[in-house]
Amino acid sequence: MTVKHAVDVEANDVLNAKDTKIQVLISSREGPNFALRKFSMQRDGGMPRHTNTVEHEQYVLRGEASITIGEEIHHVKAGDVVFIPEGVVHSYQNTGEEPFEFLCIIPNKDDKVTVVDASC
């Protein structure tokens, strides 16, 4: 069993992203089936078009963003939930005035990230 406060978890830069940090709140060593991550994207920050080999279940905590999933653009805000299937191209762009923050749950499997378009 793990109990800790999110402020005690190190935040690291997200590779290939602009002004975006990740905290691994529950790692694959702590949870047998899923990992829980928190992403924080500063104003004008974003993540480029990419794919993952695992699905994502997400819950928006704060702010607003445009998330492209496949060819569809979704405008999301606090309280919205997002599902991204494995292998589907997706990207993020903070469109609000404040940081965009969300929780992301992924299965504990190998996840290969492939950047499709490096601009964000």
Protein backbone atom coordinates (compact mmCIF):
# COMPACT_ATOMS: atom_id res chain seq x y z
CA MET A 1 0.00 0.00 0.00
CA THR A 2 1.23 3.47 -0.87
CA VAL A 3 0.05 6.77 0.59
CA LYS A 4 1.83 10.02 -0.24
CA HIS A 5 1.08 13.61 -1.20
CA ALA A 6 1.41 14.71 -4.85
CA VAL A 7 3.64 17.67 -3.90
CA ASP A 8 6.22 15.16 -2.66
CA VAL A 9 6.48 13.47 -6.09
CA GLU A 10 9.19 14.80 -8.41
CA ALA A 11 7.98 16.53 -11.59
CA ASN A 12 10.04 15.89 -14.73
CA ASP A 13 9.98 17.50 -18.16
CA VAL A 14 8.04 15.57 -20.81
CA LEU A 15 10.31 14.65 -23.71
CA ASN A 16 9.42 16.43 -27.01
CA ALA A 17 6.79 18.59 -25.25
CA LYS A 18 6.68 22.33 -24.64
CA ASP A 19 6.39 23.58 -21.04
CA THR A 20 4.94 20.27 -19.82
CA LYS A 21 5.83 18.24 -16.73
CA ILE A 22 4.90 14.73 -15.58
CA GLN A 23 4.65 13.27 -12.09
CA VAL A 24 4.37 9.50 -11.74
CA LEU A 25 2.06 9.37 -8.73
CA ILE A 26 1.70 5.58 -8.68
CA SER A 27 4.37 3.71 -10.61
CA SER A 28 4.31 0.21 -12.09
CA ARG A 29 6.32 -0.89 -9.03
CA GLU A 30 3.54 0.30 -6.70
CA GLY A 31 0.41 -0.72 -8.59
CA PRO A 32 0.23 -4.20 -10.12
CA ASN A 33 -1.99 -3.30 -13.09
CA PHE A 34 -1.96 0.46 -13.72
CA ALA A 35 0.23 3.53 -13.35
CA LEU A 36 -1.19 6.94 -12.39
CA ARG A 37 0.48 10.05 -13.77
CA LYS A 38 -0.27 13.76 -13.43
CA PHE A 39 0.57 16.10 -16.31
CA SER A 40 0.92 19.88 -15.90
CA MET A 41 1.09 22.00 -19.05
CA GLN A 42 1.84 25.70 -18.73
CA ARG A 43 0.04 28.40 -20.73
CA ASP A 44 0.82 27.93 -24.45
CA GLY A 45 2.42 24.55 -23.66
CA GLY A 46 1.69 21.40 -25.59
CA MET A 47 2.60 17.88 -26.64
CA PRO A 48 3.16 17.04 -30.31
CA ARG A 49 1.22 14.53 -32.41
CA HIS A 50 2.31 11.08 -31.24
CA THR A 51 1.17 7.53 -30.65
CA ASN A 52 1.51 5.20 -27.68
CA THR A 53 1.31 1.43 -27.56
CA VAL A 54 -0.98 1.61 -24.51
CA GLU A 55 -4.41 3.17 -24.00
CA HIS A 56 -4.91 6.31 -21.85
CA GLU A 57 -7.75 7.12 -19.47
CA GLN A 58 -7.63 10.78 -18.44
CA TYR A 59 -9.42 13.15 -16.08
CA VAL A 60 -8.97 16.92 -16.47
CA LEU A 61 -8.27 18.60 -13.14
CA ARG A 62 -7.72 22.21 -14.18
CA GLY A 63 -7.58 24.53 -17.17
CA GLU A 64 -8.53 24.13 -20.82
CA ALA A 65 -6.92 22.49 -23.83
CA SER A 66 -7.46 21.28 -27.35
CA ILE A 67 -6.79 17.58 -27.64
CA THR A 68 -6.57 16.09 -31.11
CA ILE A 69 -7.45 12.39 -31.21
CA GLY A 70 -7.10 10.97 -34.69
CA GLU A 71 -8.57 13.68 -36.93
CA GLU A 72 -11.00 15.07 -34.32
CA ILE A 73 -10.27 18.12 -32.16
CA HIS A 74 -11.84 18.17 -28.70
CA HIS A 75 -11.93 21.23 -26.44
CA VAL A 76 -11.69 20.00 -22.86
CA LYS A 77 -11.87 21.64 -19.44
CA ALA A 78 -11.86 20.70 -15.76
CA GLY A 79 -14.16 17.76 -15.06
CA ASP A 80 -13.96 16.26 -18.56
CA VAL A 81 -12.82 12.68 -19.12
CA VAL A 82 -10.87 11.47 -22.15
CA PHE A 83 -10.17 7.99 -23.53
CA ILE A 84 -7.38 7.55 -26.10
CA PRO A 85 -7.08 4.04 -27.59
CA GLU A 86 -3.64 2.53 -28.09
CA GLY A 87 -2.01 3.39 -31.42
CA VAL A 88 -4.19 6.45 -32.14
CA VAL A 89 -2.37 9.69 -33.02
CA HIS A 90 -3.07 12.43 -30.47
CA SER A 91 -1.74 15.80 -29.30
CA TYR A 92 -2.40 18.48 -26.69
CA GLN A 93 -2.35 22.29 -26.70
CA ASN A 94 -3.10 24.41 -23.64
CA THR A 95 -5.65 26.99 -24.86
CA GLY A 96 -6.41 28.61 -21.51
CA GLU A 97 -4.92 31.33 -19.37
CA GLU A 98 -3.90 28.97 -16.56
CA PRO A 99 -2.01 25.68 -16.42
CA PHE A 100 -3.77 22.64 -17.92
CA GLU A 101 -3.55 19.66 -15.56
CA PHE A 102 -4.84 16.13 -15.93
CA LEU A 103 -4.52 12.68 -14.46
CA CYS A 104 -3.62 9.87 -16.85
CA ILE A 105 -3.99 6.19 -16.06
CA ILE A 106 -2.22 3.63 -18.25
CA PRO A 107 -1.86 -0.15 -18.00
CA ASN A 108 1.47 -1.49 -16.79
CA LYS A 109 2.73 -2.64 -20.17
CA ASP A 110 5.66 -1.54 -22.31
CA ASP A 111 4.74 1.81 -23.83
CA LYS A 112 6.54 2.89 -26.97
CA VAL A 113 5.98 6.55 -27.84
CA THR A 114 6.34 7.54 -31.50
CA VAL A 115 6.34 11.24 -32.40
CA VAL A 116 4.48 11.81 -35.68
CA ASP A 117 4.97 15.60 -35.90
CA ALA A 118 7.46 17.25 -33.53
CA SER A 119 5.81 20.70 -33.52
CA CYS A 120 3.53 21.56 -30.62
